[in-house]
Every structure is written in C-alpha cells, then in structure tokens.
C-alpha cells in the first residue's frame, strides 16, 4: 500500500495466513497473538498510533505458547483494518496523497471494522454510494480530517471496496458528478461553489 514497504504488515499477513498461532513481538510497543484457525487475535497494544509501520520496528515472530486465545480474542478482520489504517496514516505523512475520482465498488463488511473507524468509513461509503466524488473534496463535504479521509480511501481501495481513478486535470462536472478537483490549491474560491453544488445534489435539490 502507498508504495511503502512495511515488515510489520508482512509479518501480520504471514501470521494470519499460517496454520499455527503466531506471536508477533514489537520491541518497545507490545505484542500481538494471531490465531488463524479461530480467526481471532489478542494484543497488549493500546497505543496503535505510536506503533512503527514504516520499517524501523524491531519485530520478532515465534509460536504462541497457547493454542487458543484465553479470552476468546477479537476478530482478526479488525486487526487487518487497524494495521492497514495506521500504516496508511504514517505513509501519507511522508508525502502528498495522490488525487483522483473515488468510486464505490461495494460496501465493506461493517461487522469486521473496528468501532473507531466505522463511522468515518460509513460516511465515506455513503457519499460514494450516492455519487463518485473527487478525493480532495471529500474531507470538506464529510467534515472528516483530510489525513484520515486519505488514509481510509487507500485502505478501502487496498481491500477492493473503492476504486480511485487518477490522471484527471481540471475540474469536470456533468451527469456523472464531479470528476476531479483542481490541482492548484490556490483556487480556493472556486471550491466553495463546487461544494455548494455537491451538497445540493446530495440533498436531492
């Protein structure tokens, strides 16, 4: 995702695809126990924001002492969403996010989305279900932070729920909706009318 390698994501993918329970220890941050047969995981990590996903973490994998989670564990799908989201946030901090027209392919299974991400994901998908929208307009339309919106778009794209078509130039409007936002951020005055039109369309006016 985002062209940035993540040894931690690779370790998580291997653990989830394995047949045996795996313990992933991240020096200075905690550990994650993955139980692939039960499709669950346990962890002592509470501060996911500080977990380094960009390659500078010291990671050690080993077999779990216990073959099943003692407390039943949490759905492994939530772990996949959490890891992908925080990796995307950190990768986006290293460079600008590509822009394009975002289209909804299909809704994610919201039962597997962590509570902290469910509301913004629902808002993004609801907007795109109504109409494909330029990625640069979405934070203002939805009232979601730009970094969070960009990160969630890439996670949704990576999981196959959203398609982002890049390569558009100037803003284009038509029956299909807003195709792209202008690449020059200095034309903020033009954005106001675009957002107003989009709101009228979303409200059916």
C-alpha atoms as a PDB file:
ATOM      1  CA  UNK A   1       0.000   0.000   0.000  1.00  0.00           C
ATOM      2  CA  UNK A   2       1.158   3.531  -0.857  1.00  0.00           C
ATOM      3  CA  UNK A   3       4.406   2.151  -2.241  1.00  0.00           C
ATOM      4  CA  UNK A   4       5.949   1.934   1.250  1.00  0.00           C
ATOM      5  CA  UNK A   5       7.163  -1.431   2.481  1.00  0.00           C
ATOM      6  CA  UNK A   6       6.092  -2.497   5.966  1.00  0.00           C
ATOM      7  CA  UNK A   7       7.782  -5.503   7.604  1.00  0.00           C
ATOM      8  CA  UNK A   8       5.119  -5.433  10.311  1.00  0.00           C
ATOM      9  CA  UNK A   9       2.291  -5.762   7.782  1.00  0.00           C
ATOM     10  CA  UNK A  10       4.169  -8.604   6.100  1.00  0.00           C
ATOM     11  CA  UNK A  11       4.541 -10.370   9.460  1.00  0.00           C
ATOM     12  CA  UNK A  12       0.846  -9.925  10.180  1.00  0.00           C
ATOM     13  CA  UNK A  13      -0.124 -11.265   6.752  1.00  0.00           C
ATOM     14  CA  UNK A  14       2.060 -14.323   7.254  1.00  0.00           C
ATOM     15  CA  UNK A  15       0.608 -14.932  10.717  1.00  0.00           C
ATOM     16  CA  UNK A  16      -2.986 -14.640   9.501  1.00  0.00           C
ATOM     17  CA  UNK A  17      -2.285 -16.977   6.587  1.00  0.00           C
ATOM     18  CA  UNK A  18      -0.472 -19.518   8.746  1.00  0.00           C
ATOM     19  CA  UNK A  19      -1.985 -22.690  10.158  1.00  0.00           C
ATOM     20  CA  UNK A  20      -0.459 -22.266  13.618  1.00  0.00           C
ATOM     21  CA  UNK A  21      -0.862 -19.486  16.213  1.00  0.00           C
ATOM     22  CA  UNK A  22       1.870 -16.852  15.961  1.00  0.00           C
ATOM     23  CA  UNK A  23       3.215 -14.354  18.467  1.00  0.00           C
ATOM     24  CA  UNK A  24       4.496 -11.086  16.971  1.00  0.00           C
ATOM     25  CA  UNK A  25       6.575  -9.004  19.390  1.00  0.00           C
ATOM     26  CA  UNK A  26       7.277  -5.353  18.574  1.00  0.00           C
ATOM     27  CA  UNK A  27      10.123  -4.038  20.713  1.00  0.00           C
ATOM     28  CA  UNK A  28       9.012  -1.192  22.945  1.00  0.00           C
ATOM     29  CA  UNK A  29       5.358  -1.405  21.909  1.00  0.00           C
ATOM     30  CA  UNK A  30       3.923  -4.786  22.871  1.00  0.00           C
ATOM     31  CA  UNK A  31       2.862  -7.972  21.137  1.00  0.00           C
ATOM     32  CA  UNK A  32       0.111  -9.467  19.001  1.00  0.00           C
ATOM     33  CA  UNK A  33      -1.004 -13.097  19.163  1.00  0.00           C
ATOM     34  CA  UNK A  34      -2.744 -14.298  15.997  1.00  0.00           C
ATOM     35  CA  UNK A  35      -4.919 -17.434  15.982  1.00  0.00           C
ATOM     36  CA  UNK A  36      -5.671 -18.116  12.294  1.00  0.00           C
ATOM     37  CA  UNK A  37      -7.949 -21.116  12.791  1.00  0.00           C
ATOM     38  CA  UNK A  38     -10.202 -19.166  15.133  1.00  0.00           C
ATOM     39  CA  UNK A  39      -9.786 -16.012  13.016  1.00  0.00           C
ATOM     40  CA  UNK A  40      -9.078 -14.070  16.199  1.00  0.00           C
ATOM     41  CA  UNK A  41      -6.221 -12.196  17.847  1.00  0.00           C
ATOM     42  CA  UNK A  42      -5.206 -10.795  21.230  1.00  0.00           C
ATOM     43  CA  UNK A  43      -2.844  -7.937  21.977  1.00  0.00           C
ATOM     44  CA  UNK A  44      -1.499  -5.789  24.793  1.00  0.00           C
ATOM     45  CA  UNK A  45      -1.036  -2.813  22.448  1.00  0.00           C
ATOM     46  CA  UNK A  46      -3.240   0.154  23.318  1.00  0.00           C
ATOM     47  CA  UNK A  47      -1.462   2.977  21.503  1.00  0.00           C
ATOM     48  CA  UNK A  48      -1.586   1.944  17.839  1.00  0.00           C
ATOM     49  CA  UNK A  49      -0.614   5.429  16.678  1.00  0.00           C
ATOM     50  CA  UNK A  50       2.916   5.006  18.053  1.00  0.00           C
ATOM     51  CA  UNK A  51       3.493   1.550  16.546  1.00  0.00           C
ATOM     52  CA  UNK A  52       6.025   1.973  13.713  1.00  0.00           C
ATOM     53  CA  UNK A  53       4.699   0.528  10.463  1.00  0.00           C
ATOM     54  CA  UNK A  54       7.298   2.044   8.138  1.00  0.00           C
ATOM     55  CA  UNK A  55      10.144  -0.390   8.657  1.00  0.00           C
ATOM     56  CA  UNK A  56      12.069   0.857  11.690  1.00  0.00           C
ATOM     57  CA  UNK A  57      10.481  -1.530  14.198  1.00  0.00           C
ATOM     58  CA  UNK A  58      12.354  -4.463  15.700  1.00  0.00           C
ATOM     59  CA  UNK A  59       9.960  -7.363  15.117  1.00  0.00           C
ATOM     60  CA  UNK A  60      10.260 -10.925  16.383  1.00  0.00           C
ATOM     61  CA  UNK A  61       7.884 -13.756  15.485  1.00  0.00           C
ATOM     62  CA  UNK A  62       7.527 -17.045  17.329  1.00  0.00           C
ATOM     63  CA  UNK A  63       4.986 -19.743  18.061  1.00  0.00           C
ATOM     64  CA  UNK A  64       2.306 -18.908  20.602  1.00  0.00           C
ATOM     65  CA  UNK A  65       2.533 -20.691  23.925  1.00  0.00           C
ATOM     66  CA  UNK A  66      -1.239 -21.194  23.939  1.00  0.00           C
ATOM     67  CA  UNK A  67      -3.008 -22.850  21.035  1.00  0.00           C
ATOM     68  CA  UNK A  68      -6.236 -20.907  21.593  1.00  0.00           C
ATOM     69  CA  UNK A  69      -6.887 -17.411  22.954  1.00  0.00           C
ATOM     70  CA  UNK A  70      -7.706 -17.498  26.668  1.00  0.00           C
ATOM     71  CA  UNK A  71     -10.463 -14.864  26.468  1.00  0.00           C
ATOM     72  CA  UNK A  72     -11.845 -15.744  23.052  1.00  0.00           C
ATOM     73  CA  UNK A  73      -9.939 -12.991  21.290  1.00  0.00           C
ATOM     74  CA  UNK A  74     -11.074 -10.290  18.886  1.00  0.00           C
ATOM     75  CA  UNK A  75     -11.920 -10.708  15.182  1.00  0.00           C
ATOM     76  CA  UNK A  76      -8.785 -10.805  13.048  1.00  0.00           C
ATOM     77  CA  UNK A  77     -10.569  -8.621  10.489  1.00  0.00           C
ATOM     78  CA  UNK A  78     -10.387  -5.741  12.982  1.00  0.00           C
ATOM     79  CA  UNK A  79      -6.629  -6.257  13.229  1.00  0.00           C
ATOM     80  CA  UNK A  80      -6.321  -6.057   9.444  1.00  0.00           C
ATOM     81  CA  UNK A  81      -8.252  -2.777   9.343  1.00  0.00           C
ATOM     82  CA  UNK A  82      -6.274  -1.276  12.227  1.00  0.00           C
ATOM     83  CA  UNK A  83      -2.895  -2.242  10.801  1.00  0.00           C
ATOM     84  CA  UNK A  84      -3.733  -1.071   7.285  1.00  0.00           C
ATOM     85  CA  UNK A  85      -5.134   2.235   8.533  1.00  0.00           C
ATOM     86  CA  UNK A  86      -2.204   3.172  10.760  1.00  0.00           C
ATOM     87  CA  UNK A  87       0.280   2.128   8.097  1.00  0.00           C
ATOM     88  CA  UNK A  88      -1.534   4.364   5.598  1.00  0.00           C
ATOM     89  CA  UNK A  89      -1.527   7.318   8.019  1.00  0.00           C
ATOM     90  CA  UNK A  90       2.225   7.013   8.558  1.00  0.00           C
ATOM     91  CA  UNK A  91       2.963   6.540   4.869  1.00  0.00           C
ATOM     92  CA  UNK A  92       0.892   9.593   3.940  1.00  0.00           C
ATOM     93  CA  UNK A  93       2.900  11.723   6.378  1.00  0.00           C
ATOM     94  CA  UNK A  94       5.964  11.063   4.210  1.00  0.00           C
ATOM     95  CA  UNK A  95       4.472  12.549   1.042  1.00  0.00           C
ATOM     96  CA  UNK A  96       1.379  14.002  -0.634  1.00  0.00           C
ATOM     97  CA  UNK A  97      -1.608  11.821  -1.309  1.00  0.00           C
ATOM     98  CA  UNK A  98      -2.437  11.155  -4.974  1.00  0.00           C
ATOM     99  CA  UNK A  99      -5.721  12.643  -6.122  1.00  0.00           C
ATOM    100  CA  UNK A 100      -8.472  11.179  -8.238  1.00  0.00           C
ATOM    101  CA  UNK A 101     -12.100  10.272  -8.627  1.00  0.00           C
ATOM    102  CA  UNK A 102     -13.206   7.854  -5.914  1.00  0.00           C
ATOM    103  CA  UNK A 103     -15.895   5.307  -6.792  1.00  0.00           C
ATOM    104  CA  UNK A 104     -17.539   2.759  -4.514  1.00  0.00           C
ATOM    105  CA  UNK A 105     -17.265  -0.819  -5.793  1.00  0.00           C
ATOM    106  CA  UNK A 106     -19.020  -2.483  -2.876  1.00  0.00           C
ATOM    107  CA  UNK A 107     -19.579  -1.897   0.826  1.00  0.00           C
ATOM    108  CA  UNK A 108     -17.196  -3.472   3.334  1.00  0.00           C
ATOM    109  CA  UNK A 109     -18.485  -5.865   5.969  1.00  0.00           C
ATOM    110  CA  UNK A 110     -19.003  -3.326   8.744  1.00  0.00           C
ATOM    111  CA  UNK A 111     -19.158  -6.082  11.354  1.00  0.00           C
ATOM    112  CA  UNK A 112     -15.412  -6.553  10.873  1.00  0.00           C
ATOM    113  CA  UNK A 113     -14.500  -2.847  11.079  1.00  0.00           C
ATOM    114  CA  UNK A 114     -13.143  -1.521  14.418  1.00  0.00           C
ATOM    115  CA  UNK A 115     -15.511   0.805  16.264  1.00  0.00           C
ATOM    116  CA  UNK A 116     -13.147   3.760  15.972  1.00  0.00           C
ATOM    117  CA  UNK A 117     -13.117   3.558  12.165  1.00  0.00           C
ATOM    118  CA  UNK A 118     -16.694   2.509  11.486  1.00  0.00           C
ATOM    119  CA  UNK A 119     -18.340   5.954  11.491  1.00  0.00           C
ATOM    120  CA  UNK A 120     -15.946   7.676   9.039  1.00  0.00           C
ATOM    121  CA  UNK A 121     -15.961   4.604   6.784  1.00  0.00           C
ATOM    122  CA  UNK A 122     -19.762   4.606   6.694  1.00  0.00           C
ATOM    123  CA  UNK A 123     -19.781   8.315   5.835  1.00  0.00           C
ATOM    124  CA  UNK A 124     -17.230   7.864   3.042  1.00  0.00           C
ATOM    125  CA  UNK A 125     -19.009   4.853   1.557  1.00  0.00           C
ATOM    126  CA  UNK A 126     -22.431   6.508   1.813  1.00  0.00           C
ATOM    127  CA  UNK A 127     -21.164   9.524  -0.112  1.00  0.00           C
ATOM    128  CA  UNK A 128     -19.542   7.363  -2.799  1.00  0.00           C
ATOM    129  CA  UNK A 129     -22.615   5.122  -2.982  1.00  0.00           C
ATOM    130  CA  UNK A 130     -24.607   8.222  -3.874  1.00  0.00           C
ATOM    131  CA  UNK A 131     -22.075   9.531  -6.393  1.00  0.00           C
ATOM    132  CA  UNK A 132     -18.371   9.197  -7.343  1.00  0.00           C
ATOM    133  CA  UNK A 133     -16.531  12.129  -5.786  1.00  0.00           C
ATOM    134  CA  UNK A 134     -13.134  13.798  -6.095  1.00  0.00           C
ATOM    135  CA  UNK A 135     -10.902  12.684  -3.237  1.00  0.00           C
ATOM    136  CA  UNK A 136      -9.811  16.248  -2.482  1.00  0.00           C
ATOM    137  CA  UNK A 137     -13.403  17.391  -1.921  1.00  0.00           C
ATOM    138  CA  UNK A 138     -14.412  14.582   0.396  1.00  0.00           C
ATOM    139  CA  UNK A 139     -12.919  15.902   3.687  1.00  0.00           C
ATOM    140  CA  UNK A 140     -14.807  19.184   3.330  1.00  0.00           C
ATOM    141  CA  UNK A 141     -18.068  17.565   2.287  1.00  0.00           C
ATOM    142  CA  UNK A 142     -17.972  14.975   5.078  1.00  0.00           C
ATOM    143  CA  UNK A 143     -16.313  17.031   7.805  1.00  0.00           C
ATOM    144  CA  UNK A 144     -13.625  14.355   8.235  1.00  0.00           C
ATOM    145  CA  UNK A 145      -9.941  15.210   8.702  1.00  0.00           C
ATOM    146  CA  UNK A 146      -8.078  15.175   5.333  1.00  0.00           C
ATOM    147  CA  UNK A 147      -5.365  12.765   6.556  1.00  0.00           C
ATOM    148  CA  UNK A 148      -7.962  10.349   7.937  1.00  0.00           C
ATOM    149  CA  UNK A 149     -10.019  10.558   4.753  1.00  0.00           C
ATOM    150  CA  UNK A 150      -6.986   9.926   2.538  1.00  0.00           C
ATOM    151  CA  UNK A 151      -5.826   7.014   4.701  1.00  0.00           C
ATOM    152  CA  UNK A 152      -9.247   5.388   4.755  1.00  0.00           C
ATOM    153  CA  UNK A 153      -9.611   5.802   0.993  1.00  0.00           C
ATOM    154  CA  UNK A 154      -6.369   3.913   0.438  1.00  0.00           C
ATOM    155  CA  UNK A 155      -7.362   1.210   2.880  1.00  0.00           C
ATOM    156  CA  UNK A 156     -10.742   0.867   1.176  1.00  0.00           C
ATOM    157  CA  UNK A 157      -9.002   0.764  -2.192  1.00  0.00           C
ATOM    158  CA  UNK A 158      -6.484  -1.797  -0.975  1.00  0.00           C
ATOM    159  CA  UNK A 159      -9.286  -4.035   0.278  1.00  0.00           C
ATOM    160  CA  UNK A 160     -11.113  -3.686  -3.044  1.00  0.00           C
ATOM    161  CA  UNK A 161     -14.073  -1.643  -1.809  1.00  0.00           C
ATOM    162  CA  UNK A 162     -13.171   1.610  -3.565  1.00  0.00           C
ATOM    163  CA  UNK A 163     -11.614   2.449  -6.926  1.00  0.00           C
ATOM    164  CA  UNK A 164      -9.612   5.674  -7.294  1.00  0.00           C
ATOM    165  CA  UNK A 165      -9.136   6.852 -10.872  1.00  0.00           C
ATOM    166  CA  UNK A 166      -6.173   9.215 -11.142  1.00  0.00           C
ATOM    167  CA  UNK A 167      -4.878  11.332 -14.015  1.00  0.00           C
ATOM    168  CA  UNK A 168      -7.622  13.946 -14.115  1.00  0.00           C
ATOM    169  CA  UNK A 169      -6.699  17.537 -14.740  1.00  0.00           C
ATOM    170  CA  UNK A 170      -9.120  20.390 -14.256  1.00  0.00           C
ATOM    171  CA  UNK A 171     -12.458  20.037 -12.531  1.00  0.00           C
ATOM    172  CA  UNK A 172     -15.045  18.363 -14.714  1.00  0.00           C
ATOM    173  CA  UNK A 173     -18.753  18.374 -13.988  1.00  0.00           C
ATOM    174  CA  UNK A 174     -21.508  16.519 -15.773  1.00  0.00           C
ATOM    175  CA  UNK A 175     -24.167  13.913 -15.310  1.00  0.00           C
ATOM    176  CA  UNK A 176     -21.665  11.605 -13.649  1.00  0.00           C
ATOM    177  CA  UNK A 177     -20.837  14.138 -10.929  1.00  0.00           C
ATOM    178  CA  UNK A 178     -17.597  15.867 -10.023  1.00  0.00           C
ATOM    179  CA  UNK A 179     -14.752  14.075 -11.772  1.00  0.00           C
ATOM    180  CA  UNK A 180     -11.795  15.809 -10.174  1.00  0.00           C
ATOM    181  CA  UNK A 181     -10.719  18.699  -8.025  1.00  0.00           C
ATOM    182  CA  UNK A 182      -8.325  21.359  -9.336  1.00  0.00           C
ATOM    183  CA  UNK A 183      -4.662  20.609  -8.716  1.00  0.00           C
ATOM    184  CA  UNK A 184      -3.926  24.205  -7.778  1.00  0.00           C
ATOM    185  CA  UNK A 185      -4.900  24.682  -4.152  1.00  0.00           C
ATOM    186  CA  UNK A 186      -4.733  28.481  -4.625  1.00  0.00           C
ATOM    187  CA  UNK A 187      -8.129  28.485  -6.332  1.00  0.00           C
ATOM    188  CA  UNK A 188      -9.977  28.012  -3.061  1.00  0.00           C
ATOM    189  CA  UNK A 189     -12.663  30.490  -4.100  1.00  0.00           C
ATOM    190  CA  UNK A 190     -13.808  28.089  -6.809  1.00  0.00           C
ATOM    191  CA  UNK A 191     -14.156  25.259  -4.316  1.00  0.00           C
ATOM    192  CA  UNK A 192     -16.993  26.956  -2.447  1.00  0.00           C
ATOM    193  CA  UNK A 193     -19.346  26.820  -5.442  1.00  0.00           C
ATOM    194  CA  UNK A 194     -18.361  23.212  -6.182  1.00  0.00           C
ATOM    195  CA  UNK A 195     -19.079  22.122  -2.609  1.00  0.00           C
ATOM    196  CA  UNK A 196     -22.402  24.005  -2.646  1.00  0.00           C
ATOM    197  CA  UNK A 197     -23.436  22.204  -5.837  1.00  0.00           C
ATOM    198  CA  UNK A 198     -22.390  18.862  -4.391  1.00  0.00           C
ATOM    199  CA  UNK A 199     -24.419  19.440  -1.241  1.00  0.00           C
ATOM    200  CA  UNK A 200     -27.489  20.316  -3.333  1.00  0.00           C
ATOM    201  CA  UNK A 201     -27.069  17.072  -5.272  1.00  0.00           C
ATOM    202  CA  UNK A 202     -26.626  15.012  -2.103  1.00  0.00           C
ATOM    203  CA  UNK A 203     -29.770  16.575  -0.666  1.00  0.00           C
ATOM    204  CA  UNK A 204     -31.669  15.945  -3.895  1.00  0.00           C
ATOM    205  CA  UNK A 205     -32.282  19.627  -4.620  1.00  0.00           C
END
